[in-house]
Amino acid sequence: MADDTNTGADTAAELDRLPTSVLHDRAVSLARERRDVKFVWELLKAIPAAAAAEGETDRAQFDMLHALSLLEEYRNAGDSDLADALRPVYVTYLTEHAGDHR
């Protein structure tokens, strides 16, 4: 398996063995390198569902007024209670763009 900072040709199984904080950092780093606003937006939209999966159903609705607080959660998504619920988002993104790391 590659080291924790490499985003080479990792498979979903290899990525799934990594700690959530590493998945978050790798996905966000790759999105920054690629200037991938779409991924950031998709991650922001996934946060309410992740919160609901963690039992916080009052946070499950996404709207534009909620977006600013989501941006703050995005900054901390690798370390928060939501981190494990967001793992599939990170694994999918990293496997889809495995060859894109510069």
C-alpha atoms as a PDB file:
ATOM      1  CA  MET A   1       0.000   0.000   0.000  1.00  0.00           C
ATOM      2  CA  ALA A   2       1.171   3.534  -0.742  1.00  0.00           C
ATOM      3  CA  ASP A   3       2.119   5.922   2.036  1.00  0.00           C
ATOM      4  CA  ASP A   4      -0.535   8.226   3.510  1.00  0.00           C
ATOM      5  CA  THR A   5       0.408  11.247   1.378  1.00  0.00           C
ATOM      6  CA  ASN A   6       0.397   9.511  -2.006  1.00  0.00           C
ATOM      7  CA  THR A   7      -2.694   9.675  -4.207  1.00  0.00           C
ATOM      8  CA  GLY A   8      -1.232   7.449  -6.915  1.00  0.00           C
ATOM      9  CA  ALA A   9      -3.241   4.488  -8.184  1.00  0.00           C
ATOM     10  CA  ASP A  10      -4.804   3.460  -4.885  1.00  0.00           C
ATOM     11  CA  THR A  11      -7.766   1.145  -5.103  1.00  0.00           C
ATOM     12  CA  ALA A  12     -10.951   1.723  -3.149  1.00  0.00           C
ATOM     13  CA  ALA A  13      -9.968  -1.186  -0.862  1.00  0.00           C
ATOM     14  CA  GLU A  14      -6.563   0.380  -0.158  1.00  0.00           C
ATOM     15  CA  LEU A  15      -8.116   3.765   0.486  1.00  0.00           C
ATOM     16  CA  ASP A  16     -10.768   2.268   2.744  1.00  0.00           C
ATOM     17  CA  ARG A  17      -8.034   1.019   5.103  1.00  0.00           C
ATOM     18  CA  LEU A  18      -6.744   4.563   5.683  1.00  0.00           C
ATOM     19  CA  PRO A  19      -7.835   6.688   8.640  1.00  0.00           C
ATOM     20  CA  THR A  20     -10.686   9.061   7.815  1.00  0.00           C
ATOM     21  CA  SER A  21      -8.554  12.128   8.495  1.00  0.00           C
ATOM     22  CA  VAL A  22      -6.035  10.940   5.873  1.00  0.00           C
ATOM     23  CA  LEU A  23      -8.810  10.339   3.324  1.00  0.00           C
ATOM     24  CA  HIS A  24     -10.158  13.830   3.953  1.00  0.00           C
ATOM     25  CA  ASP A  25      -6.736  15.448   3.649  1.00  0.00           C
ATOM     26  CA  ARG A  26      -5.886  13.560   0.463  1.00  0.00           C
ATOM     27  CA  ALA A  27      -9.241  14.297  -1.211  1.00  0.00           C
ATOM     28  CA  VAL A  28      -9.186  17.978  -0.277  1.00  0.00           C
ATOM     29  CA  SER A  29      -5.547  18.313  -1.332  1.00  0.00           C
ATOM     30  CA  LEU A  30      -6.287  16.711  -4.699  1.00  0.00           C
ATOM     31  CA  ALA A  31      -9.334  18.941  -5.179  1.00  0.00           C
ATOM     32  CA  ARG A  32      -7.155  21.989  -4.486  1.00  0.00           C
ATOM     33  CA  GLU A  33      -4.532  20.827  -6.986  1.00  0.00           C
ATOM     34  CA  ARG A  34      -7.218  20.227  -9.595  1.00  0.00           C
ATOM     35  CA  ARG A  35      -9.088  23.424  -8.619  1.00  0.00           C
ATOM     36  CA  ASP A  36     -12.107  21.157  -8.437  1.00  0.00           C
ATOM     37  CA  VAL A  37     -14.948  23.347  -7.196  1.00  0.00           C
ATOM     38  CA  LYS A  38     -17.433  20.633  -8.161  1.00  0.00           C
ATOM     39  CA  PHE A  39     -15.943  18.242  -5.584  1.00  0.00           C
ATOM     40  CA  VAL A  40     -16.071  20.914  -2.878  1.00  0.00           C
ATOM     41  CA  TRP A  41     -19.700  21.598  -3.742  1.00  0.00           C
ATOM     42  CA  GLU A  42     -20.534  17.860  -3.712  1.00  0.00           C
ATOM     43  CA  LEU A  43     -18.822  17.527  -0.341  1.00  0.00           C
ATOM     44  CA  LEU A  44     -20.781  20.490   1.028  1.00  0.00           C
ATOM     45  CA  LYS A  45     -24.013  18.909  -0.189  1.00  0.00           C
ATOM     46  CA  ALA A  46     -23.030  15.584   1.452  1.00  0.00           C
ATOM     47  CA  ILE A  47     -22.487  17.109   4.912  1.00  0.00           C
ATOM     48  CA  PRO A  48     -26.197  17.337   5.866  1.00  0.00           C
ATOM     49  CA  ALA A  49     -26.789  13.697   4.878  1.00  0.00           C
ATOM     50  CA  ALA A  50     -23.678  12.675   6.801  1.00  0.00           C
ATOM     51  CA  ALA A  51     -24.997  14.563   9.816  1.00  0.00           C
ATOM     52  CA  ALA A  52     -28.319  12.738   9.493  1.00  0.00           C
ATOM     53  CA  ALA A  53     -26.464   9.416   9.288  1.00  0.00           C
ATOM     54  CA  GLU A  54     -24.806  10.338  12.569  1.00  0.00           C
ATOM     55  CA  GLY A  55     -28.227  10.952  14.138  1.00  0.00           C
ATOM     56  CA  GLU A  56     -28.335  14.721  13.705  1.00  0.00           C
ATOM     57  CA  THR A  57     -31.527  14.761  11.641  1.00  0.00           C
ATOM     58  CA  ASP A  58     -32.189  18.458  12.295  1.00  0.00           C
ATOM     59  CA  ARG A  59     -29.145  19.243  10.116  1.00  0.00           C
ATOM     60  CA  ALA A  60     -30.255  17.063   7.197  1.00  0.00           C
ATOM     61  CA  GLN A  61     -31.717  19.810   5.012  1.00  0.00           C
ATOM     62  CA  PHE A  62     -29.485  21.720   2.626  1.00  0.00           C
ATOM     63  CA  ASP A  63     -30.249  25.286   1.639  1.00  0.00           C
ATOM     64  CA  MET A  64     -28.200  28.298   0.657  1.00  0.00           C
ATOM     65  CA  LEU A  65     -28.543  29.939   4.082  1.00  0.00           C
ATOM     66  CA  HIS A  66     -26.964  26.819   5.522  1.00  0.00           C
ATOM     67  CA  ALA A  67     -24.028  27.041   3.088  1.00  0.00           C
ATOM     68  CA  LEU A  68     -21.882  29.360   5.214  1.00  0.00           C
ATOM     69  CA  SER A  69     -22.001  27.064   8.210  1.00  0.00           C
ATOM     70  CA  LEU A  70     -21.294  24.153   5.866  1.00  0.00           C
ATOM     71  CA  LEU A  71     -18.141  25.905   4.686  1.00  0.00           C
ATOM     72  CA  GLU A  72     -16.945  25.963   8.285  1.00  0.00           C
ATOM     73  CA  GLU A  73     -17.809  22.290   8.661  1.00  0.00           C
ATOM     74  CA  TYR A  74     -15.980  21.590   5.388  1.00  0.00           C
ATOM     75  CA  ARG A  75     -12.803  23.029   6.882  1.00  0.00           C
ATOM     76  CA  ASN A  76     -13.080  20.613   9.801  1.00  0.00           C
ATOM     77  CA  ALA A  77     -14.708  17.644   8.042  1.00  0.00           C
ATOM     78  CA  GLY A  78     -11.650  15.416   8.472  1.00  0.00           C
ATOM     79  CA  ASP A  79     -11.690  15.740  12.253  1.00  0.00           C
ATOM     80  CA  SER A  80     -15.371  16.115  13.106  1.00  0.00           C
ATOM     81  CA  ASP A  81     -18.023  13.612  14.134  1.00  0.00           C
ATOM     82  CA  LEU A  82     -19.115  13.646  10.485  1.00  0.00           C
ATOM     83  CA  ALA A  83     -15.786  12.382   9.207  1.00  0.00           C
ATOM     84  CA  ASP A  84     -16.640   8.685   9.113  1.00  0.00           C
ATOM     85  CA  ALA A  85     -19.978   9.335   7.407  1.00  0.00           C
ATOM     86  CA  LEU A  86     -18.116  11.265   4.673  1.00  0.00           C
ATOM     87  CA  ARG A  87     -15.592   8.460   3.997  1.00  0.00           C
ATOM     88  CA  PRO A  88     -17.441   7.215   0.883  1.00  0.00           C
ATOM     89  CA  VAL A  89     -17.239  10.705  -0.658  1.00  0.00           C
ATOM     90  CA  TYR A  90     -13.454  10.786  -0.169  1.00  0.00           C
ATOM     91  CA  VAL A  91     -12.867   7.211  -1.389  1.00  0.00           C
ATOM     92  CA  THR A  92     -15.001   7.729  -4.501  1.00  0.00           C
ATOM     93  CA  TYR A  93     -13.276  10.990  -5.391  1.00  0.00           C
ATOM     94  CA  LEU A  94      -9.778   9.604  -4.855  1.00  0.00           C
ATOM     95  CA  THR A  95     -10.429   6.456  -6.892  1.00  0.00           C
ATOM     96  CA  GLU A  96     -12.075   8.415  -9.726  1.00  0.00           C
ATOM     97  CA  HIS A  97      -9.053  10.693  -9.935  1.00  0.00           C
ATOM     98  CA  ALA A  98      -6.285   8.279  -8.935  1.00  0.00           C
ATOM     99  CA  GLY A  99      -4.095   9.235 -11.897  1.00  0.00           C
ATOM    100  CA  ASP A 100      -4.626  12.981 -11.516  1.00  0.00           C
ATOM    101  CA  HIS A 101      -2.129  13.587  -8.701  1.00  0.00           C
ATOM    102  CA  ARG A 102       0.626  15.916  -9.847  1.00  0.00           C
END
